[in-house]
Structures are given as structure tokens and as C-alpha cells.
Amino acid sequence: MQYSIWMNSKNRYRDDWKKDFTKLQKAGISNVFLSGSIEEIENALKFSDEFNHKIHTWIFTMICNDEEIIKHHPDWFTVNGLGERSCYKPQYVGYYKWLCPTHPEVQEYLQKRVEKLCEISELAGVHLDYIRYCDVILPEALQPNYNLVQTREEPQFDYCYCQHCRTAFKKQNSIDPVDLVNPSENLKWMQFRFDSISNIVRILKDKIHHYNKKATAAVFPTIMQKNVRQQWHKWNLDAVYPMLYHSCYDEDFNWIEEETRKGKSLLKSTKLHSGLYIPAIKPDDLRLAIDTARNGGADGVS
């Protein structure tokens, strides 16, 4: 069983990396997913040679808070059922500014971004996070944090109704999605969003594999696929890392095993590594959490 970890590379220097990598090697960590700039990733790689783990870059794929892009390309961002762009009126939290996966210029931008990362020769792979739409319904345990009670899909959280999505859907189905009486119940409109995300994953996966690097993704549990429009079992990546954060769903460790087993049953050759939420796990219980993931058939934990 492999062990992986998500890490932030900011404000770390030579001695920090040596210390961190030593700890990770002692803990048996195989894969390190680092967020940060190209320079920060390259800096970390300078000090990783003597250690056994592999370094992957970890990117917020569809989230974009680049002020220059917001200023010059606001049309790249998703539009909700009320006609509001996420770059101007993000839902839930301020950084929830989502790019539209259907927009051709967004696809080109993300390809170039991934290609620059793949040009780092020592990098083992690219790890796609936030590779989805905004949550149309939050996990139940998180809703009180935003003074919400969500029992059905509401238009302010439902994306994307930009002109590119509307035109593409109408071309396929002879109806504009804004004219749907109950958009949340329209299976073709639901599948259109699933397919839009799956398509951008395919585009980026092909680019990553062109450089002989691993393409992986942090994904939601199977029970949340519909709420974030994320059919990750169809992506055929090298590995997926479902975030089985049991406390967000008012569940115990048994749920981790159940969700791991469900995820494995959907996959063919793709590896599945169960993502554990360490802040919700007591140190003495970590081994038990890992064992429940293993019992569910996980190829690893992160």
C-alpha cells in the first residue's frame, strides 16, 4: 500500500525541505503532492534527490483567482442559474471563482499551464484538484458553516449557463438550458456538465502523458459525484484520490471503507488512494482509519 501527502511549498527553504523530506521518508510516504509556483516546485526538487518519494505538482485546476485573467477574460468564468459570474459573485467562499470547462480559451489556457509544469523534467506527475464545478449542494455537515439548509439544487449554486455552454447544449439537444423548466431534473443537462468536466480531464491527461508523467486527481466521494458534476470513474487516470473526509458527512471510519469499496467497483485500471482528513482523526486512531481504507480495497491512502 502506498502512502501520499498533500503539501504547500510556500515559505520553505533548503533546511525546511531537508527536514520535511526526512520525516516523510521515515513515515514511508511515496508520493508528495506540492502546491506552489514553478519556482517553488523546482526549489523543492533540488533537495529531493536523496529521498525515495516522488514529487508531483498539485494544482487548483478550475479555480482561478488570477486578477489579470479576471480583468481581461471575465467571460472565461462560469455563470450560475441567476446569470451571475463566479468571478464577480463567488458562492460559499471568496476564492470560489470557477473557470468554464466548455470555453475553448479556457481549455487552451489550462493546456499551456499544464505543459509548463510538465517541462520540469524531475517532476513525477500533475495532480488535478478542483477539477469539477462548484458544489451545487454542500455536504450536510458543512452547510451550517454557511447558514444553509440545502435540500435541493438552487439556481445560485447551479453552473454553468454561460453562452458557450448554452450554445453547445442547444446544438446537441435543440433547447437552451435556461429554458428548462426543472434543470436539475433534466438528465441530458446533467450529463452535459459531467461530460464537460470529463472532456477537460481528457485534454489535460493527454498532455501530461505526452510528457511521460502521471496524471492523477483529487476527487469527491461517489455520493457527491452528481453535486459537483464529476464522473471520475470514466476519466481513466493513473490514479484518483477521493477525499473521504468522514467528518464532513457526519460519518465514522466504516464509511471510509464503504466509499473506498464503491469507488474501486467503478474503476478498471485506475488506482484508488483513499484521502483521509487528518484534523478529524486522533493520532491513536490513524492506524484504524488506514486499515478501514485497506479493507475497502484501497491501493493507498493520502
Protein backbone atom coordinates (compact mmCIF):
# COMPACT_ATOMS: atom_id res chain seq x y z
CA MET A 1 0.00 0.00 0.00
CA GLN A 2 1.33 3.43 -0.98
CA TYR A 3 1.22 6.50 1.25
CA SER A 4 0.90 10.02 -0.16
CA ILE A 5 0.59 13.53 1.24
CA TRP A 6 -0.65 16.93 0.09
CA MET A 7 1.72 19.78 0.98
CA ASN A 8 2.11 23.52 0.44
CA SER A 9 5.54 24.54 -0.85
CA LYS A 10 5.35 28.21 0.18
CA ASN A 11 7.91 29.71 2.56
CA ARG A 12 10.09 26.61 2.65
CA TYR A 13 13.83 26.75 2.16
CA ARG A 14 16.72 24.30 1.96
CA ASP A 15 16.77 23.30 5.63
CA ASP A 16 12.97 23.13 5.71
CA TRP A 17 12.85 20.73 2.78
CA LYS A 18 15.64 18.54 4.14
CA LYS A 19 13.82 18.29 7.46
CA ASP A 20 10.41 17.69 5.87
CA PHE A 21 11.64 15.12 3.35
CA THR A 22 13.49 13.23 6.09
CA LYS A 23 10.28 12.98 8.12
CA LEU A 24 8.28 11.90 5.08
CA GLN A 25 10.76 9.19 4.18
CA LYS A 26 10.71 7.82 7.73
CA ALA A 27 6.90 7.77 7.55
CA GLY A 28 7.02 5.76 4.33
CA ILE A 29 5.49 8.45 2.11
CA SER A 30 5.77 7.50 -1.58
CA ASN A 31 4.15 10.49 -3.30
CA VAL A 32 4.28 14.16 -2.35
CA PHE A 33 1.73 16.49 -3.96
CA LEU A 34 3.10 20.03 -3.79
CA SER A 35 1.14 23.20 -4.46
CA GLY A 36 3.02 26.34 -5.41
CA SER A 37 4.66 28.22 -8.25
CA ILE A 38 7.03 26.65 -10.76
CA GLU A 39 9.94 28.25 -8.93
CA GLU A 40 8.80 26.82 -5.58
CA ILE A 41 8.33 23.35 -7.05
CA GLU A 42 11.76 23.47 -8.70
CA ASN A 43 13.28 24.59 -5.41
CA ALA A 44 11.79 21.60 -3.60
CA LEU A 45 13.02 19.22 -6.29
CA LYS A 46 16.61 20.39 -5.73
CA PHE A 47 16.56 18.79 -2.31
CA SER A 48 14.52 15.66 -3.04
CA ASP A 49 17.14 13.60 -4.92
CA GLU A 50 18.43 11.74 -1.88
CA PHE A 51 14.94 10.70 -0.82
CA ASN A 52 12.75 7.91 -2.20
CA HIS A 53 9.44 9.69 -2.66
CA LYS A 54 8.18 11.15 -5.94
CA ILE A 55 7.21 14.80 -6.31
CA HIS A 56 4.00 15.75 -8.15
CA THR A 57 2.70 19.26 -8.66
CA TRP A 58 -0.76 19.84 -7.15
CA ILE A 59 -2.89 22.41 -8.98
CA PHE A 60 -6.27 24.05 -8.42
CA THR A 61 -7.49 23.31 -11.93
CA MET A 62 -10.84 25.04 -12.47
CA ILE A 63 -10.43 27.59 -9.66
CA CYS A 64 -8.80 30.83 -10.83
CA ASN A 65 -8.09 33.91 -8.71
CA ASP A 66 -5.58 35.48 -11.09
CA GLU A 67 -6.58 39.16 -11.15
CA GLU A 68 -5.20 39.68 -14.66
CA ILE A 69 -7.35 36.87 -16.01
CA ILE A 70 -10.41 38.16 -14.16
CA LYS A 71 -9.79 41.64 -15.57
CA HIS A 72 -9.14 40.66 -19.18
CA HIS A 73 -11.14 37.42 -19.52
CA PRO A 74 -14.23 37.54 -17.31
CA ASP A 75 -16.05 35.53 -19.98
CA TRP A 76 -13.87 32.54 -19.05
CA PHE A 77 -15.73 32.13 -15.76
CA THR A 78 -18.83 30.11 -15.02
CA VAL A 79 -22.31 31.65 -14.83
CA ASN A 80 -24.96 30.39 -12.42
CA GLY A 81 -28.68 29.94 -12.93
CA LEU A 82 -29.27 33.56 -11.90
CA GLY A 83 -26.91 34.86 -14.57
CA GLU A 84 -24.12 35.75 -12.10
CA ARG A 85 -20.46 35.17 -13.00
CA SER A 86 -18.45 33.36 -10.35
CA CYS A 87 -15.50 35.76 -10.74
CA TYR A 88 -17.72 38.62 -9.59
CA LYS A 89 -20.04 36.83 -7.19
CA PRO A 90 -18.45 33.64 -5.88
CA GLN A 91 -20.60 31.31 -3.80
CA TYR A 92 -19.73 29.98 -0.32
CA VAL A 93 -16.20 31.44 -0.12
CA GLY A 94 -14.36 34.29 -1.80
CA TYR A 95 -11.94 32.15 -3.78
CA TYR A 96 -14.71 30.10 -5.48
CA LYS A 97 -14.10 31.67 -8.89
CA TRP A 98 -14.55 28.88 -11.40
CA LEU A 99 -13.38 28.63 -15.00
CA CYS A 100 -15.80 27.13 -17.52
CA PRO A 101 -14.50 23.80 -18.90
CA THR A 102 -16.56 24.24 -22.09
CA HIS A 103 -14.89 27.53 -23.09
CA PRO A 104 -12.24 26.87 -25.82
CA GLU A 105 -9.91 29.57 -24.48
CA VAL A 106 -10.05 28.05 -21.00
CA GLN A 107 -9.10 24.68 -22.45
CA GLU A 108 -6.16 26.27 -24.25
CA TYR A 109 -5.09 28.17 -21.12
CA LEU A 110 -5.15 25.05 -18.95
CA GLN A 111 -3.20 23.05 -21.53
CA LYS A 112 -0.46 25.67 -21.59
CA ARG A 113 -0.40 25.82 -17.80
CA VAL A 114 -0.04 22.05 -17.50
CA GLU A 115 2.56 21.93 -20.28
CA LYS A 116 4.80 24.41 -18.43
CA LEU A 117 4.66 22.20 -15.36
CA CYS A 118 5.36 19.05 -17.37
CA GLU A 119 8.52 20.65 -18.74
CA ILE A 120 10.04 20.26 -15.27
CA SER A 121 11.97 17.08 -16.00
CA GLU A 122 12.24 15.78 -12.42
CA LEU A 123 8.50 16.08 -11.79
CA ALA A 124 6.71 12.73 -11.45
CA GLY A 125 3.25 13.94 -12.37
CA VAL A 126 0.48 16.52 -12.26
CA HIS A 127 -2.24 16.20 -9.62
CA LEU A 128 -5.52 17.86 -10.59
CA ASP A 129 -7.58 19.31 -7.74
CA TYR A 130 -10.82 21.32 -8.03
CA ILE A 131 -11.39 19.52 -11.30
CA ARG A 132 -15.14 20.00 -11.13
CA TYR A 133 -17.95 22.54 -10.90
CA CYS A 134 -18.91 24.47 -7.79
CA ASP A 135 -20.82 22.33 -5.27
CA VAL A 136 -24.49 22.69 -6.12
CA ILE A 137 -25.21 21.14 -2.71
CA LEU A 138 -22.63 21.05 0.09
CA PRO A 139 -22.01 18.02 2.32
CA GLU A 140 -24.66 18.14 5.04
CA ALA A 141 -22.23 18.64 7.92
CA LEU A 142 -20.74 21.73 6.22
CA GLN A 143 -24.00 23.52 5.47
CA PRO A 144 -24.37 25.08 8.96
CA ASN A 145 -20.99 26.78 8.46
CA TYR A 146 -22.66 28.90 5.78
CA ASN A 147 -26.07 29.21 7.48
CA LEU A 148 -27.57 26.99 4.81
CA VAL A 149 -30.05 24.14 4.66
CA GLN A 150 -29.79 22.66 1.17
CA THR A 151 -32.40 20.06 0.27
CA ARG A 152 -32.47 20.65 -3.49
CA GLU A 153 -30.50 22.36 -6.23
CA GLU A 154 -30.87 26.15 -6.19
CA PRO A 155 -30.03 28.37 -9.20
CA GLN A 156 -27.41 30.49 -7.39
CA PHE A 157 -25.25 27.38 -6.89
CA ASP A 158 -26.01 25.75 -10.25
CA TYR A 159 -23.40 26.19 -13.04
CA CYS A 160 -22.76 26.77 -15.92
CA TYR A 161 -25.12 28.87 -18.01
CA CYS A 162 -22.53 30.88 -19.95
CA GLN A 163 -23.08 31.44 -23.66
CA HIS A 164 -20.63 28.68 -24.63
CA CYS A 165 -22.48 26.10 -22.53
CA ARG A 166 -25.88 27.26 -23.70
CA THR A 167 -24.91 27.19 -27.37
CA ALA A 168 -23.23 23.78 -27.13
CA PHE A 169 -26.14 22.22 -25.25
CA LYS A 170 -28.73 23.68 -27.61
CA LYS A 171 -26.80 22.37 -30.61
CA GLN A 172 -26.96 18.87 -29.11
CA ASN A 173 -30.50 18.95 -27.72
CA SER A 174 -32.43 21.71 -29.54
CA ILE A 175 -33.19 23.60 -26.34
CA ASP A 176 -31.43 26.35 -24.41
CA PRO A 177 -30.77 25.19 -20.81
CA VAL A 178 -32.11 28.50 -19.47
CA ASP A 179 -35.48 27.44 -20.89
CA LEU A 180 -35.59 24.15 -18.99
CA VAL A 181 -38.48 24.12 -16.51
CA ASN A 182 -36.62 21.93 -14.00
CA PRO A 183 -32.94 21.95 -14.99
CA SER A 184 -31.90 19.82 -12.00
CA GLU A 185 -34.18 17.02 -13.24
CA ASN A 186 -33.03 17.11 -16.86
CA LEU A 187 -30.70 14.15 -17.32
CA LYS A 188 -29.25 15.46 -20.59
CA TRP A 189 -28.32 18.77 -18.98
CA MET A 190 -26.77 16.91 -16.06
CA GLN A 191 -24.77 14.70 -18.41
CA PHE A 192 -23.63 17.73 -20.40
CA ARG A 193 -21.90 19.08 -17.29
CA PHE A 194 -20.43 15.67 -16.45
CA ASP A 195 -19.08 15.44 -20.00
CA SER A 196 -17.68 18.99 -19.97
CA ILE A 197 -15.51 18.17 -16.97
CA SER A 198 -14.59 14.75 -18.35
CA ASN A 199 -13.52 16.37 -21.62
CA ILE A 200 -11.13 18.84 -19.99
CA VAL A 201 -9.70 15.97 -17.94
CA ARG A 202 -9.09 14.01 -21.14
CA ILE A 203 -7.37 17.00 -22.75
CA LEU A 204 -5.09 17.56 -19.76
CA LYS A 205 -4.43 13.85 -19.23
CA ASP A 206 -3.25 13.50 -22.83
CA LYS A 207 -0.93 16.47 -22.37
CA ILE A 208 0.50 15.06 -19.13
CA HIS A 209 1.00 11.60 -20.62
CA HIS A 210 2.72 13.15 -23.65
CA TYR A 211 5.50 14.09 -21.23
CA ASN A 212 5.50 10.58 -19.70
CA LYS A 213 4.24 11.80 -16.35
CA LYS A 214 1.47 10.52 -14.09
CA ALA A 215 -1.98 12.10 -14.33
CA THR A 216 -3.88 11.93 -11.04
CA ALA A 217 -6.74 13.82 -9.40
CA ALA A 218 -8.27 14.65 -6.03
CA VAL A 219 -11.97 13.83 -6.33
CA PHE A 220 -15.15 13.76 -4.28
CA PRO A 221 -16.72 10.60 -2.79
CA THR A 222 -19.08 8.64 -5.03
CA ILE A 223 -22.12 10.00 -3.15
CA MET A 224 -21.14 13.54 -4.21
CA GLN A 225 -20.44 12.96 -7.90
CA LYS A 226 -23.73 14.49 -9.00
CA ASN A 227 -23.33 17.54 -6.76
CA VAL A 228 -20.03 18.55 -8.35
CA ARG A 229 -20.64 17.05 -11.83
CA GLN A 230 -17.66 14.72 -11.52
CA GLN A 231 -17.81 11.26 -13.12
CA TRP A 232 -14.22 10.46 -12.22
CA HIS A 233 -14.65 6.73 -12.78
CA LYS A 234 -14.77 7.50 -16.52
CA TRP A 235 -11.55 9.51 -16.62
CA ASN A 236 -9.09 6.62 -16.95
CA LEU A 237 -6.39 8.43 -14.98
CA ASP A 238 -3.36 6.75 -13.46
CA ALA A 239 -4.86 7.22 -10.00
CA VAL A 240 -7.68 9.02 -8.21
CA TYR A 241 -7.64 10.26 -4.64
CA PRO A 242 -11.23 10.51 -3.34
CA MET A 243 -11.37 12.86 -0.37
CA LEU A 244 -13.09 10.60 2.14
CA TYR A 245 -13.37 13.24 4.82
CA HIS A 246 -15.79 11.36 7.05
CA SER A 247 -16.42 14.25 9.45
CA CYS A 248 -17.82 16.39 6.59
CA TYR A 249 -20.57 13.82 6.14
CA ASP A 250 -21.24 13.05 9.82
CA GLU A 251 -19.84 9.55 9.28
CA ASP A 252 -17.43 7.23 11.08
CA PHE A 253 -14.48 5.17 9.81
CA ASN A 254 -16.77 2.44 8.46
CA TRP A 255 -17.93 4.94 5.85
CA ILE A 256 -14.34 5.26 4.60
CA GLU A 257 -14.29 1.53 3.92
CA GLU A 258 -17.70 1.63 2.22
CA GLU A 259 -16.80 4.57 -0.03
CA THR A 260 -13.45 3.03 -0.90
CA ARG A 261 -15.15 -0.19 -1.94
CA LYS A 262 -17.75 1.69 -4.01
CA GLY A 263 -15.04 3.67 -5.77
CA LYS A 264 -12.96 0.59 -6.53
CA SER A 265 -16.00 -1.15 -8.01
CA LEU A 266 -16.39 1.66 -10.56
CA LEU A 267 -12.79 1.61 -11.77
CA LYS A 268 -10.94 -0.63 -14.20
CA SER A 269 -7.19 0.02 -14.33
CA THR A 270 -7.14 3.30 -12.37
CA LYS A 271 -5.65 3.06 -8.87
CA LEU A 272 -7.62 4.44 -5.92
CA HIS A 273 -5.99 6.05 -2.89
CA SER A 274 -8.34 6.95 -0.05
CA GLY A 275 -7.93 10.54 1.12
CA LEU A 276 -8.06 10.89 4.91
CA TYR A 277 -8.80 14.12 6.76
CA ILE A 278 -6.11 14.19 9.45
CA PRO A 279 -7.61 17.04 11.55
CA ALA A 280 -10.63 14.81 12.21
CA ILE A 281 -8.55 11.76 13.19
CA LYS A 282 -6.92 11.33 16.59
CA PRO A 283 -3.28 10.18 16.37
CA ASP A 284 -4.13 6.90 18.11
CA ASP A 285 -6.88 6.27 15.55
CA LEU A 286 -4.84 6.88 12.40
CA ARG A 287 -3.86 3.23 12.01
CA LEU A 288 -7.52 2.22 12.28
CA ALA A 289 -8.51 4.73 9.59
CA ILE A 290 -5.79 3.38 7.30
CA ASP A 291 -6.91 -0.18 7.95
CA THR A 292 -10.51 0.63 7.04
CA ALA A 293 -9.34 2.04 3.71
CA ARG A 294 -7.22 -1.06 3.15
CA ASN A 295 -10.20 -3.29 3.95
CA GLY A 296 -12.16 -1.44 1.27
CA GLY A 297 -9.51 -2.33 -1.30
CA ALA A 298 -7.57 0.94 -1.44
CA ASP A 299 -4.28 0.93 -3.33
CA GLY A 300 -3.04 3.56 -0.90
CA VAL A 301 -4.01 6.40 1.41
CA SER A 302 -3.24 10.09 1.35
